[in-house]
Amino acid sequence: MQLTFINGSPRGKKSNTARLMGHFLRGFMETPGNTSEIDYLTKHRQDINLLTETFAMAENVIIGFPLYVDAMPGSVKEFLEALAPLAGKKDNPALGFMIQCGFPETSHNRYVARYCEKFTQRMGCLSLGSILKGGCEGLDVQPDFLTDKYYAFFYMLGVEFGKTGKFDPAMLEKLARPEHLNAGNMTQIIPFINQALWDVQMENNGVLDKSFDKPLNP
């Protein structure tokens, strides 16, 4: 099986999208005979046609990207629009998406996922579905007990996809948790985020004592 992964993150190789899908591709490649390639949207901003040609020749495509304020990056939207001439072609690849965001609640991803599903239908591609994951801000500074769990799920999804060409629904459901935060979640997660992400960065920059400073009154 051949798989082309298109990384639509503006951060390219240093993105959380790349971190997560690296584990997926590692699992995918465990099946003998599978091949994969990775392309970065950031490399094709000056000539998007090269990437549309890559898409047209692929067997399976997964497009991965982060949410920016509940929307896909503009460069991803530009790429999807550039694929319009291929709509309805019989030899279009099977198409799936990986959508991640920094918000803990995966519900933020659902609206864009619906758009991606509609786009897949309009292109006439076989739909692979979408991998959705929240809570991905600062993967490089999150504790191992959290990131190891995320990475293990992506790896297992890749293994299953490498064997069957499908995303395992049960794994997708587990990976998407929590869908919504309740009051109990909020009292646990918000202090953790403040400490693990923001306080650590402020401490590293020697400004933790200024964390409650306010702008001067006019």
N, C-alpha and C. Protein backbone atom coordinates (compact mmCIF):
# COMPACT_ATOMS: atom_id res chain seq x y z
N MET A 1 0.84 -1.19 0.00
CA MET A 1 0.00 0.00 0.00
C MET A 1 0.88 1.25 0.00
N GLN A 2 0.48 2.23 -0.77
CA GLN A 2 1.23 3.49 -0.82
C GLN A 2 0.46 4.58 -0.11
N LEU A 3 1.16 5.39 0.68
CA LEU A 3 0.52 6.49 1.41
C LEU A 3 1.35 7.75 1.27
N THR A 4 0.68 8.83 0.91
CA THR A 4 1.30 10.15 0.87
C THR A 4 0.72 10.98 2.00
N PHE A 5 1.59 11.46 2.87
CA PHE A 5 1.15 12.35 3.94
C PHE A 5 1.55 13.77 3.59
N ILE A 6 0.57 14.66 3.54
CA ILE A 6 0.83 16.08 3.27
C ILE A 6 0.67 16.85 4.57
N ASN A 7 1.78 17.39 5.05
CA ASN A 7 1.78 18.15 6.30
C ASN A 7 1.42 19.60 5.97
N GLY A 8 0.22 20.00 6.41
CA GLY A 8 -0.26 21.35 6.11
C GLY A 8 0.04 22.37 7.18
N SER A 9 0.83 22.00 8.18
CA SER A 9 1.14 22.94 9.25
C SER A 9 2.12 24.00 8.78
N PRO A 10 1.89 25.26 9.11
CA PRO A 10 2.87 26.31 8.79
C PRO A 10 4.22 26.09 9.47
N ARG A 11 4.27 25.26 10.51
CA ARG A 11 5.52 24.98 11.20
C ARG A 11 6.32 23.86 10.54
N GLY A 12 5.76 23.20 9.56
CA GLY A 12 6.49 22.19 8.81
C GLY A 12 7.02 21.06 9.65
N LYS A 13 8.32 20.76 9.51
CA LYS A 13 8.93 19.63 10.19
C LYS A 13 8.94 19.78 11.71
N LYS A 14 8.84 21.00 12.22
CA LYS A 14 8.90 21.24 13.66
C LYS A 14 7.50 21.27 14.30
N SER A 15 6.49 20.91 13.56
CA SER A 15 5.11 21.05 14.02
C SER A 15 4.67 19.88 14.88
N ASN A 16 3.61 20.11 15.66
CA ASN A 16 2.98 19.02 16.39
C ASN A 16 2.34 18.02 15.44
N THR A 17 1.88 18.52 14.29
CA THR A 17 1.34 17.63 13.25
C THR A 17 2.39 16.61 12.83
N ALA A 18 3.61 17.08 12.64
CA ALA A 18 4.70 16.17 12.24
C ALA A 18 5.02 15.17 13.35
N ARG A 19 5.01 15.63 14.59
CA ARG A 19 5.29 14.73 15.72
C ARG A 19 4.28 13.58 15.76
N LEU A 20 3.01 13.93 15.69
CA LEU A 20 1.96 12.91 15.81
C LEU A 20 1.98 11.95 14.62
N MET A 21 2.05 12.49 13.41
CA MET A 21 1.98 11.63 12.23
C MET A 21 3.25 10.83 12.03
N GLY A 22 4.35 11.26 12.64
CA GLY A 22 5.56 10.45 12.58
C GLY A 22 5.34 9.10 13.22
N HIS A 23 4.59 9.07 14.31
CA HIS A 23 4.29 7.80 14.97
C HIS A 23 3.29 6.98 14.15
N PHE A 24 2.33 7.65 13.52
CA PHE A 24 1.38 6.95 12.65
C PHE A 24 2.14 6.27 11.50
N LEU A 25 3.04 7.01 10.87
CA LEU A 25 3.77 6.45 9.73
C LEU A 25 4.70 5.33 10.16
N ARG A 26 5.24 5.43 11.36
CA ARG A 26 6.09 4.35 11.87
C ARG A 26 5.29 3.06 11.98
N GLY A 27 4.04 3.17 12.47
CA GLY A 27 3.18 1.99 12.53
C GLY A 27 2.78 1.50 11.16
N PHE A 28 2.47 2.43 10.26
CA PHE A 28 2.06 2.08 8.90
C PHE A 28 3.15 1.28 8.18
N MET A 29 4.39 1.66 8.38
CA MET A 29 5.49 1.04 7.64
C MET A 29 5.87 -0.33 8.19
N GLU A 30 5.24 -0.77 9.26
CA GLU A 30 5.54 -2.11 9.79
C GLU A 30 4.98 -3.22 8.92
N THR A 31 4.01 -2.91 8.09
CA THR A 31 3.46 -3.92 7.19
C THR A 31 4.36 -4.04 5.96
N PRO A 32 4.88 -5.22 5.69
CA PRO A 32 5.79 -5.40 4.55
C PRO A 32 5.13 -4.95 3.24
N GLY A 33 5.89 -4.27 2.41
CA GLY A 33 5.41 -3.82 1.11
C GLY A 33 4.81 -2.43 1.12
N ASN A 34 4.51 -1.88 2.30
CA ASN A 34 3.98 -0.52 2.37
C ASN A 34 5.07 0.50 2.06
N THR A 35 4.67 1.58 1.39
CA THR A 35 5.59 2.68 1.12
C THR A 35 4.90 3.98 1.51
N SER A 36 5.70 4.96 1.91
CA SER A 36 5.13 6.25 2.30
C SER A 36 6.06 7.37 1.89
N GLU A 37 5.48 8.53 1.71
CA GLU A 37 6.25 9.74 1.46
C GLU A 37 5.59 10.89 2.21
N ILE A 38 6.40 11.86 2.60
CA ILE A 38 5.91 13.03 3.31
C ILE A 38 6.22 14.27 2.49
N ASP A 39 5.24 15.13 2.34
CA ASP A 39 5.45 16.40 1.67
C ASP A 39 4.94 17.51 2.58
N TYR A 40 5.58 18.68 2.46
CA TYR A 40 5.26 19.79 3.34
C TYR A 40 4.70 20.94 2.53
N LEU A 41 3.51 21.36 2.92
CA LEU A 41 2.84 22.44 2.20
C LEU A 41 3.68 23.71 2.21
N THR A 42 4.45 23.93 3.26
CA THR A 42 5.27 25.14 3.35
C THR A 42 6.29 25.24 2.21
N LYS A 43 6.67 24.10 1.64
CA LYS A 43 7.66 24.10 0.56
C LYS A 43 7.07 24.46 -0.80
N HIS A 44 5.74 24.51 -0.87
CA HIS A 44 5.09 24.67 -2.18
C HIS A 44 4.25 25.94 -2.29
N ARG A 45 4.45 26.88 -1.39
CA ARG A 45 3.64 28.08 -1.44
C ARG A 45 3.83 28.87 -2.73
N GLN A 46 5.02 28.79 -3.32
CA GLN A 46 5.29 29.52 -4.55
C GLN A 46 4.82 28.78 -5.80
N ASP A 47 4.64 27.47 -5.69
CA ASP A 47 4.19 26.68 -6.84
C ASP A 47 3.35 25.51 -6.33
N ILE A 48 2.09 25.79 -6.06
CA ILE A 48 1.19 24.79 -5.49
C ILE A 48 0.88 23.67 -6.48
N ASN A 49 1.13 23.92 -7.77
CA ASN A 49 0.81 22.92 -8.79
C ASN A 49 1.64 21.64 -8.62
N LEU A 50 2.87 21.78 -8.12
CA LEU A 50 3.70 20.60 -7.90
C LEU A 50 3.05 19.66 -6.87
N LEU A 51 2.43 20.26 -5.86
CA LEU A 51 1.79 19.44 -4.84
C LEU A 51 0.48 18.84 -5.34
N THR A 52 -0.23 19.55 -6.20
CA THR A 52 -1.45 18.97 -6.77
C THR A 52 -1.11 17.77 -7.66
N GLU A 53 0.04 17.82 -8.32
CA GLU A 53 0.47 16.68 -9.13
C GLU A 53 0.81 15.49 -8.23
N THR A 54 1.43 15.77 -7.09
CA THR A 54 1.72 14.70 -6.12
C THR A 54 0.43 14.05 -5.66
N PHE A 55 -0.56 14.88 -5.37
CA PHE A 55 -1.87 14.38 -4.95
C PHE A 55 -2.48 13.50 -6.03
N ALA A 56 -2.45 13.95 -7.26
CA ALA A 56 -3.09 13.24 -8.37
C ALA A 56 -2.48 11.86 -8.60
N MET A 57 -1.19 11.70 -8.31
CA MET A 57 -0.51 10.44 -8.58
C MET A 57 -0.52 9.48 -7.40
N ALA A 58 -1.04 9.93 -6.26
CA ALA A 58 -0.99 9.11 -5.05
C ALA A 58 -2.09 8.07 -5.03
N GLU A 59 -1.88 7.04 -4.20
CA GLU A 59 -2.89 6.00 -3.99
C GLU A 59 -3.78 6.34 -2.80
N ASN A 60 -3.15 6.76 -1.71
CA ASN A 60 -3.85 7.21 -0.51
C ASN A 60 -3.19 8.49 -0.02
N VAL A 61 -4.00 9.44 0.40
CA VAL A 61 -3.47 10.72 0.89
C VAL A 61 -4.09 11.04 2.25
N ILE A 62 -3.26 11.43 3.20
CA ILE A 62 -3.73 12.00 4.45
C ILE A 62 -3.17 13.42 4.54
N ILE A 63 -4.06 14.38 4.74
CA ILE A 63 -3.65 15.77 4.90
C ILE A 63 -3.77 16.12 6.38
N GLY A 64 -2.68 16.52 6.99
CA GLY A 64 -2.68 16.86 8.40
C GLY A 64 -2.46 18.34 8.63
N PHE A 65 -3.16 18.90 9.62
CA PHE A 65 -2.99 20.32 9.91
C PHE A 65 -3.54 20.65 11.30
N PRO A 66 -3.10 21.78 11.86
CA PRO A 66 -3.64 22.25 13.14
C PRO A 66 -4.82 23.18 12.91
N LEU A 67 -5.59 23.38 13.95
CA LEU A 67 -6.63 24.42 13.92
C LEU A 67 -6.03 25.73 14.39
N TYR A 68 -6.42 26.81 13.73
CA TYR A 68 -6.10 28.15 14.19
C TYR A 68 -7.42 28.86 14.43
N VAL A 69 -7.79 28.99 15.70
CA VAL A 69 -9.06 29.61 16.10
C VAL A 69 -10.22 28.90 15.37
N ASP A 70 -10.27 27.59 15.52
CA ASP A 70 -11.35 26.75 14.99
C ASP A 70 -11.42 26.70 13.47
N ALA A 71 -10.37 27.08 12.77
CA ALA A 71 -10.36 27.02 11.31
C ALA A 71 -9.04 26.42 10.83
N MET A 72 -9.06 25.86 9.62
CA MET A 72 -7.83 25.35 9.05
C MET A 72 -6.94 26.51 8.63
N PRO A 73 -5.61 26.30 8.58
CA PRO A 73 -4.73 27.36 8.09
C PRO A 73 -5.10 27.79 6.67
N GLY A 74 -4.91 29.06 6.36
CA GLY A 74 -5.27 29.55 5.04
C GLY A 74 -4.53 28.84 3.93
N SER A 75 -3.28 28.41 4.19
CA SER A 75 -2.50 27.71 3.17
C SER A 75 -3.12 26.36 2.83
N VAL A 76 -3.74 25.71 3.82
CA VAL A 76 -4.42 24.44 3.56
C VAL A 76 -5.65 24.67 2.70
N LYS A 77 -6.42 25.69 3.03
CA LYS A 77 -7.60 26.02 2.23
C LYS A 77 -7.20 26.35 0.79
N GLU A 78 -6.10 27.07 0.64
CA GLU A 78 -5.60 27.40 -0.69
C GLU A 78 -5.26 26.12 -1.47
N PHE A 79 -4.65 25.16 -0.80
CA PHE A 79 -4.30 23.91 -1.46
C PHE A 79 -5.55 23.13 -1.87
N LEU A 80 -6.53 23.05 -0.98
CA LEU A 80 -7.76 22.33 -1.31
C LEU A 80 -8.45 22.97 -2.51
N GLU A 81 -8.44 24.28 -2.57
CA GLU A 81 -9.06 24.97 -3.72
C GLU A 81 -8.28 24.70 -5.00
N ALA A 82 -6.97 24.52 -4.89
CA ALA A 82 -6.15 24.23 -6.07
C ALA A 82 -6.43 22.84 -6.63
N LEU A 83 -7.05 21.97 -5.82
CA LEU A 83 -7.38 20.61 -6.27
C LEU A 83 -8.67 20.56 -7.08
N ALA A 84 -9.37 21.68 -7.20
CA ALA A 84 -10.68 21.70 -7.87
C ALA A 84 -10.66 21.09 -9.28
N PRO A 85 -9.62 21.33 -10.09
CA PRO A 85 -9.62 20.72 -11.44
C PRO A 85 -9.63 19.19 -11.43
N LEU A 86 -9.27 18.59 -10.30
CA LEU A 86 -9.24 17.12 -10.22
C LEU A 86 -10.57 16.53 -9.76
N ALA A 87 -11.52 17.37 -9.43
CA ALA A 87 -12.80 16.89 -8.90
C ALA A 87 -13.49 15.95 -9.89
N GLY A 88 -13.89 14.78 -9.40
CA GLY A 88 -14.62 13.83 -10.22
C GLY A 88 -13.77 12.87 -11.02
N LYS A 89 -12.45 13.00 -10.98
CA LYS A 89 -11.60 12.07 -11.72
C LYS A 89 -11.70 10.67 -11.11
N LYS A 90 -11.75 9.66 -11.97
CA LYS A 90 -11.95 8.29 -11.50
C LYS A 90 -10.75 7.75 -10.73
N ASP A 91 -9.56 8.26 -11.02
CA ASP A 91 -8.36 7.72 -10.39
C ASP A 91 -7.85 8.59 -9.25
N ASN A 92 -8.73 9.41 -8.67
CA ASN A 92 -8.32 10.20 -7.51
C ASN A 92 -7.97 9.29 -6.34
N PRO A 93 -7.04 9.72 -5.48
CA PRO A 93 -6.66 8.87 -4.34
C PRO A 93 -7.74 8.82 -3.28
N ALA A 94 -7.69 7.80 -2.44
CA ALA A 94 -8.48 7.80 -1.21
C ALA A 94 -7.94 8.92 -0.33
N LEU A 95 -8.83 9.60 0.39
CA LEU A 95 -8.42 10.83 1.09
C LEU A 95 -8.88 10.82 2.54
N GLY A 96 -7.95 11.13 3.43
CA GLY A 96 -8.26 11.27 4.85
C GLY A 96 -7.58 12.50 5.41
N PHE A 97 -7.90 12.83 6.65
CA PHE A 97 -7.36 14.03 7.29
C PHE A 97 -6.93 13.71 8.72
N MET A 98 -5.96 14.48 9.20
CA MET A 98 -5.58 14.45 10.60
C MET A 98 -5.65 15.89 11.09
N ILE A 99 -6.56 16.16 12.02
CA ILE A 99 -6.79 17.52 12.49
C ILE A 99 -6.52 17.57 13.99
N GLN A 100 -5.55 18.39 14.38
CA GLN A 100 -5.22 18.51 15.79
C GLN A 100 -5.31 19.96 16.22
N CYS A 101 -5.53 20.16 17.52
CA CYS A 101 -5.63 21.53 18.03
C CYS A 101 -5.10 21.60 19.45
N GLY A 102 -4.83 22.80 19.91
CA GLY A 102 -4.33 22.98 21.26
C GLY A 102 -5.40 22.92 22.32
N PHE A 103 -6.65 23.23 21.94
CA PHE A 103 -7.75 23.15 22.91
C PHE A 103 -7.91 21.72 23.41
N PRO A 104 -8.19 21.52 24.70
CA PRO A 104 -8.35 20.16 25.22
C PRO A 104 -9.55 19.43 24.61
N GLU A 105 -10.60 20.19 24.25
CA GLU A 105 -11.84 19.57 23.77
C GLU A 105 -11.78 19.29 22.27
N THR A 106 -11.97 18.03 21.90
CA THR A 106 -11.94 17.65 20.50
C THR A 106 -13.16 18.17 19.75
N SER A 107 -14.19 18.60 20.46
CA SER A 107 -15.37 19.15 19.80
C SER A 107 -15.01 20.32 18.90
N HIS A 108 -13.92 21.02 19.19
CA HIS A 108 -13.49 22.13 18.35
C HIS A 108 -13.16 21.67 16.93
N ASN A 109 -12.74 20.41 16.79
CA ASN A 109 -12.31 19.89 15.49
C ASN A 109 -13.46 19.44 14.60
N ARG A 110 -14.63 19.23 15.18
CA ARG A 110 -15.71 18.56 14.47
C ARG A 110 -16.22 19.35 13.26
N TYR A 111 -16.27 20.66 13.37
CA TYR A 111 -16.84 21.44 12.27
C TYR A 111 -15.94 21.41 11.04
N VAL A 112 -14.64 21.54 11.28
CA VAL A 112 -13.71 21.45 10.16
C VAL A 112 -13.71 20.03 9.57
N ALA A 113 -13.86 19.02 10.43
CA ALA A 113 -13.91 17.65 9.95
C ALA A 113 -15.11 17.43 9.03
N ARG A 114 -16.24 18.07 9.34
CA ARG A 114 -17.42 17.98 8.47
C ARG A 114 -17.15 18.60 7.11
N TYR A 115 -16.46 19.74 7.14
CA TYR A 115 -16.10 20.38 5.87
C TYR A 115 -15.19 19.45 5.06
N CYS A 116 -14.21 18.84 5.73
CA CYS A 116 -13.28 17.95 5.03
C CYS A 116 -14.00 16.76 4.42
N GLU A 117 -15.00 16.24 5.12
CA GLU A 117 -15.79 15.12 4.59
C GLU A 117 -16.57 15.56 3.36
N LYS A 118 -17.16 16.75 3.43
CA LYS A 118 -17.90 17.27 2.27
C LYS A 118 -16.95 17.53 1.10
N PHE A 119 -15.76 18.04 1.40
CA PHE A 119 -14.77 18.26 0.35
C PHE A 119 -14.40 16.95 -0.33
N THR A 120 -14.19 15.90 0.48
CA THR A 120 -13.83 14.59 -0.06
C THR A 120 -14.91 14.08 -1.00
N GLN A 121 -16.17 14.26 -0.63
CA GLN A 121 -17.28 13.84 -1.48
C GLN A 121 -17.30 14.62 -2.79
N ARG A 122 -17.08 15.92 -2.71
CA ARG A 122 -17.09 16.75 -3.92
C ARG A 122 -15.94 16.39 -4.87
N MET A 123 -14.82 15.96 -4.30
CA MET A 123 -13.70 15.54 -5.12
C MET A 123 -13.94 14.18 -5.75
N GLY A 124 -14.88 13.42 -5.20
CA GLY A 124 -15.12 12.07 -5.70
C GLY A 124 -14.09 11.07 -5.19
N CYS A 125 -13.45 11.40 -4.07
CA CYS A 125 -12.45 10.50 -3.48
C CYS A 125 -13.12 9.54 -2.51
N LEU A 126 -12.56 8.35 -2.38
CA LEU A 126 -12.96 7.46 -1.32
C LEU A 126 -12.56 8.08 0.00
N SER A 127 -13.49 8.18 0.95
CA SER A 127 -13.21 8.83 2.23
C SER A 127 -12.57 7.86 3.21
N LEU A 128 -11.42 8.26 3.76
CA LEU A 128 -10.78 7.50 4.82
C LEU A 128 -11.23 7.98 6.20
N GLY A 129 -11.87 9.16 6.24
CA GLY A 129 -12.29 9.73 7.52
C GLY A 129 -11.23 10.67 8.07
N SER A 130 -11.39 11.03 9.33
CA SER A 130 -10.49 12.00 9.96
C SER A 130 -10.03 11.50 11.32
N ILE A 131 -8.75 11.70 11.59
CA ILE A 131 -8.19 11.50 12.92
C ILE A 131 -8.26 12.84 13.62
N LEU A 132 -8.92 12.89 14.78
CA LEU A 132 -9.09 14.15 15.51
C LEU A 132 -8.44 14.06 16.88
N LYS A 133 -7.68 15.08 17.24
CA LYS A 133 -7.02 15.09 18.55
C LYS A 133 -6.92 16.50 19.09
N GLY A 134 -7.41 16.69 20.30
CA GLY A 134 -7.25 17.96 21.01
C GLY A 134 -6.12 17.88 22.01
N GLY A 135 -5.84 19.00 22.67
CA GLY A 135 -4.83 19.03 23.71
C GLY A 135 -3.41 18.88 23.23
N CYS A 136 -3.12 19.35 22.01
CA CYS A 136 -1.80 19.11 21.42
C CYS A 136 -0.86 20.31 21.50
N GLU A 137 -1.28 21.38 22.13
CA GLU A 137 -0.38 22.52 22.28
C GLU A 137 0.79 22.14 23.19
N GLY A 138 2.00 22.48 22.74
CA GLY A 138 3.17 22.23 23.57
C GLY A 138 3.50 20.78 23.79
N LEU A 139 3.40 19.95 22.76
CA LEU A 139 3.73 18.54 22.93
C LEU A 139 5.18 18.36 23.38
N ASP A 140 6.04 19.29 23.02
CA ASP A 140 7.44 19.17 23.39
C ASP A 140 7.70 19.46 24.86
N VAL A 141 6.73 20.06 25.56
CA VAL A 141 6.91 20.37 26.98
C VAL A 141 5.90 19.64 27.86
N GLN A 142 4.94 18.94 27.26
CA GLN A 142 3.99 18.17 28.06
C GLN A 142 4.70 16.97 28.69
N PRO A 143 4.23 16.52 29.86
CA PRO A 143 4.87 15.37 30.52
C PRO A 143 4.74 14.10 29.69
N ASP A 144 5.70 13.21 29.88
CA ASP A 144 5.75 11.98 29.08
C ASP A 144 4.51 11.12 29.25
N PHE A 145 3.90 11.11 30.45
CA PHE A 145 2.75 10.23 30.66
C PHE A 145 1.57 10.64 29.78
N LEU A 146 1.55 11.90 29.33
CA LEU A 146 0.51 12.33 28.40
C LEU A 146 0.92 12.06 26.95
N THR A 147 2.09 12.52 26.57
CA THR A 147 2.50 12.40 25.17
C THR A 147 2.71 10.94 24.77
N ASP A 148 3.22 10.12 25.67
CA ASP A 148 3.42 8.71 25.33
C ASP A 148 2.09 8.05 24.98
N LYS A 149 1.03 8.45 25.68
CA LYS A 149 -0.29 7.89 25.40
C LYS A 149 -0.78 8.32 24.02
N TYR A 150 -0.60 9.61 23.70
CA TYR A 150 -1.00 10.10 22.37
C TYR A 150 -0.23 9.36 21.28
N TYR A 151 1.09 9.29 21.46
CA TYR A 151 1.93 8.69 20.43
C TYR A 151 1.61 7.21 20.24
N ALA A 152 1.29 6.53 21.32
CA ALA A 152 0.95 5.11 21.21
C ALA A 152 -0.31 4.90 20.39
N PHE A 153 -1.31 5.77 20.58
CA PHE A 153 -2.54 5.66 19.80
C PHE A 153 -2.28 5.92 18.32
N PHE A 154 -1.47 6.94 18.03
CA PHE A 154 -1.17 7.21 16.62
C PHE A 154 -0.39 6.06 16.00
N TYR A 155 0.52 5.49 16.75
CA TYR A 155 1.26 4.33 16.25
C TYR A 155 0.32 3.17 15.95
N MET A 156 -0.58 2.86 16.88
CA MET A 156 -1.51 1.75 16.68
C MET A 156 -2.46 2.01 15.51
N LEU A 157 -2.89 3.27 15.36
CA LEU A 157 -3.72 3.62 14.21
C LEU A 157 -2.96 3.36 12.91
N GLY A 158 -1.68 3.71 12.91
CA GLY A 158 -0.86 3.49 11.73
C GLY A 158 -0.69 2.02 11.40
N VAL A 159 -0.49 1.21 12.44
CA VAL A 159 -0.36 -0.23 12.24
C VAL A 159 -1.63 -0.79 11.61
N GLU A 160 -2.78 -0.42 12.17
CA GLU A 160 -4.05 -0.92 11.66
C GLU A 160 -4.31 -0.43 10.24
N PHE A 161 -4.03 0.84 10.00
CA PHE A 161 -4.24 1.37 8.64
C PHE A 161 -3.31 0.69 7.64
N GLY A 162 -2.10 0.40 8.06
CA GLY A 162 -1.14 -0.27 7.18
C GLY A 162 -1.60 -1.65 6.77
N LYS A 163 -2.39 -2.29 7.64
CA LYS A 163 -2.88 -3.64 7.34
C LYS A 163 -4.19 -3.62 6.55
N THR A 164 -5.07 -2.67 6.88
CA THR A 164 -6.44 -2.71 6.34
C THR A 164 -6.80 -1.56 5.41
N GLY A 165 -6.02 -0.47 5.44
CA GLY A 165 -6.38 0.71 4.66
C GLY A 165 -7.52 1.49 5.27
N LYS A 166 -7.80 1.24 6.58
CA LYS A 166 -8.89 1.93 7.25
C LYS A 166 -8.44 2.39 8.64
N PHE A 167 -9.06 3.48 9.12
CA PHE A 167 -8.85 3.92 10.49
C PHE A 167 -9.74 3.10 11.42
N ASP A 168 -9.18 2.60 12.52
CA ASP A 168 -9.96 1.83 13.46
C ASP A 168 -10.91 2.76 14.23
N PRO A 169 -12.24 2.55 14.12
CA PRO A 169 -13.20 3.46 14.78
C PRO A 169 -13.04 3.53 16.29
N ALA A 170 -12.76 2.41 16.94
CA ALA A 170 -12.61 2.41 18.39
C ALA A 170 -11.41 3.24 18.82
N MET A 171 -10.32 3.14 18.07
CA MET A 171 -9.14 3.94 18.38
C MET A 171 -9.39 5.42 18.15
N LEU A 172 -10.11 5.74 17.08
CA LEU A 172 -10.44 7.14 16.81
C LEU A 172 -11.25 7.73 17.95
N GLU A 173 -12.19 6.95 18.46
CA GLU A 173 -13.04 7.42 19.55
C GLU A 173 -12.22 7.67 20.82
N LYS A 174 -11.34 6.76 21.15
CA LYS A 174 -10.51 6.92 22.34
C LYS A 174 -9.56 8.11 22.20
N LEU A 175 -8.98 8.26 21.02
CA LEU A 175 -8.04 9.35 20.78
C LEU A 175 -8.72 10.70 20.88
N ALA A 176 -9.99 10.76 20.55
CA ALA A 176 -10.73 12.03 20.53
C ALA A 176 -11.17 12.49 21.92
N ARG A 177 -10.99 11.70 22.94
CA ARG A 177 -11.42 12.10 24.27
C ARG A 177 -10.46 13.12 24.88
N PRO A 178 -10.97 14.11 25.66
CA PRO A 178 -12.39 14.35 25.94
C PRO A 178 -13.06 15.16 24.82
N GLU A 179 -14.28 14.80 24.52
CA GLU A 179 -15.05 15.55 23.53
C GLU A 179 -15.41 16.94 24.09
N HIS A 180 -15.84 16.95 25.36
CA HIS A 180 -16.17 18.20 26.05
C HIS A 180 -15.60 18.12 27.46
N LEU A 181 -15.25 19.27 28.00
CA LEU A 181 -14.81 19.33 29.39
C LEU A 181 -15.99 19.64 30.30
N ASN A 182 -16.05 18.97 31.43
CA ASN A 182 -17.06 19.33 32.43
C ASN A 182 -16.39 20.17 33.52
N ALA A 183 -17.17 20.58 34.51
CA ALA A 183 -16.64 21.45 35.56
C ALA A 183 -15.49 20.78 36.31
N GLY A 184 -15.62 19.47 36.53
CA GLY A 184 -14.56 18.75 37.22
C GLY A 184 -13.27 18.73 36.42
N ASN A 185 -13.40 18.52 35.11
CA ASN A 185 -12.22 18.55 34.23
C ASN A 185 -11.52 19.90 34.29
N MET A 186 -12.33 20.95 34.28
CA MET A 186 -11.78 22.31 34.24
C MET A 186 -10.91 22.59 35.47
N THR A 187 -11.37 22.16 36.64
CA THR A 187 -10.60 22.43 37.86
C THR A 187 -9.29 21.66 37.89
N GLN A 188 -9.20 20.59 37.11
CA GLN A 188 -7.96 19.81 37.05
C GLN A 188 -7.05 20.28 35.92
N ILE A 189 -7.65 20.53 34.75
CA ILE A 189 -6.85 20.78 33.56
C ILE A 189 -6.29 22.19 33.50
N ILE A 190 -7.12 23.20 33.84
CA ILE A 190 -6.66 24.58 33.70
C ILE A 190 -5.43 24.87 34.56
N PRO A 191 -5.42 24.51 35.85
CA PRO A 191 -4.19 24.74 36.63
C PRO A 191 -2.99 23.98 36.06
N PHE A 192 -3.23 22.77 35.55
CA PHE A 192 -2.13 21.99 34.98
C PHE A 192 -1.56 22.70 33.75
N ILE A 193 -2.45 23.19 32.87
CA ILE A 193 -2.00 23.89 31.67
C ILE A 193 -1.21 25.14 32.05
N ASN A 194 -1.73 25.89 33.01
CA ASN A 194 -1.04 27.12 33.43
C ASN A 194 0.36 26.82 33.95
N GLN A 195 0.47 25.74 34.72
CA GLN A 195 1.77 25.41 35.29
C GLN A 195 2.72 24.79 34.27
N ALA A 196 2.20 23.77 33.54
CA ALA A 196 3.07 22.99 32.65
C ALA A 196 3.47 23.75 31.40
N LEU A 197 2.61 24.61 30.91
CA LEU A 197 2.91 25.32 29.66
C LEU A 197 3.41 26.74 29.90
N TRP A 198 2.60 27.54 30.59
CA TRP A 198 2.90 28.97 30.67
C TRP A 198 3.90 29.28 31.78
N ASP A 199 3.68 28.76 33.00
CA ASP A 199 4.57 29.08 34.11
C ASP A 199 6.00 28.63 33.85
N VAL A 200 6.15 27.44 33.25
CA VAL A 200 7.48 26.93 32.96
C VAL A 200 8.21 27.84 31.98
N GLN A 201 7.50 28.29 30.94
CA GLN A 201 8.13 29.18 29.96
C GLN A 201 8.50 30.52 30.59
N MET A 202 7.62 31.04 31.43
CA MET A 202 7.91 32.32 32.09
C MET A 202 9.08 32.17 33.05
N GLU A 203 9.15 31.04 33.76
CA GLU A 203 10.26 30.81 34.67
C GLU A 203 11.58 30.71 33.92
N ASN A 204 11.55 30.02 32.77
CA ASN A 204 12.76 29.89 31.95
C ASN A 204 13.26 31.24 31.45
N ASN A 205 12.33 32.16 31.29
CA ASN A 205 12.70 33.50 30.81
C ASN A 205 12.86 34.51 31.93
N GLY A 206 12.79 34.03 33.17
CA GLY A 206 13.03 34.88 34.32
C GLY A 206 11.98 35.93 34.58
N VAL A 207 10.73 35.66 34.21
CA VAL A 207 9.68 36.66 34.38
C VAL A 207 8.47 36.10 35.13
N LEU A 208 8.64 34.98 35.83
CA LEU A 208 7.50 34.37 36.51
C LEU A 208 6.92 35.32 37.56
N ASP A 209 7.77 36.12 38.19
CA ASP A 209 7.27 37.04 39.21
C ASP A 209 6.43 38.16 38.62
N LYS A 210 6.43 38.29 37.31
CA LYS A 210 5.64 39.33 36.64
C LYS A 210 4.36 38.78 36.02
N SER A 211 4.01 37.54 36.34
CA SER A 211 2.88 36.88 35.66
C SER A 211 1.54 37.54 35.93
N PHE A 212 1.44 38.29 37.03
CA PHE A 212 0.18 38.97 37.33
C PHE A 212 0.26 40.47 37.13
N ASP A 213 1.32 40.92 36.44
CA ASP A 213 1.42 42.35 36.15
C ASP A 213 0.30 42.80 35.23
N LYS A 214 -0.11 44.03 35.39
CA LYS A 214 -1.19 44.60 34.57
C LYS A 214 -0.65 45.79 33.79
N PRO A 215 -1.24 46.09 32.63
CA PRO A 215 -0.82 47.27 31.87
C PRO A 215 -1.02 48.54 32.71
N LEU A 216 -0.18 49.52 32.48
CA LEU A 216 -0.32 50.79 33.19
C LEU A 216 -1.62 51.47 32.84
N ASN A 217 -2.23 52.09 33.80
CA ASN A 217 -3.45 52.86 33.53
C ASN A 217 -3.08 54.11 32.73
N PRO A 218 -3.93 54.50 31.77
CA PRO A 218 -3.61 55.70 30.98
C PRO A 218 -3.71 56.95 31.84
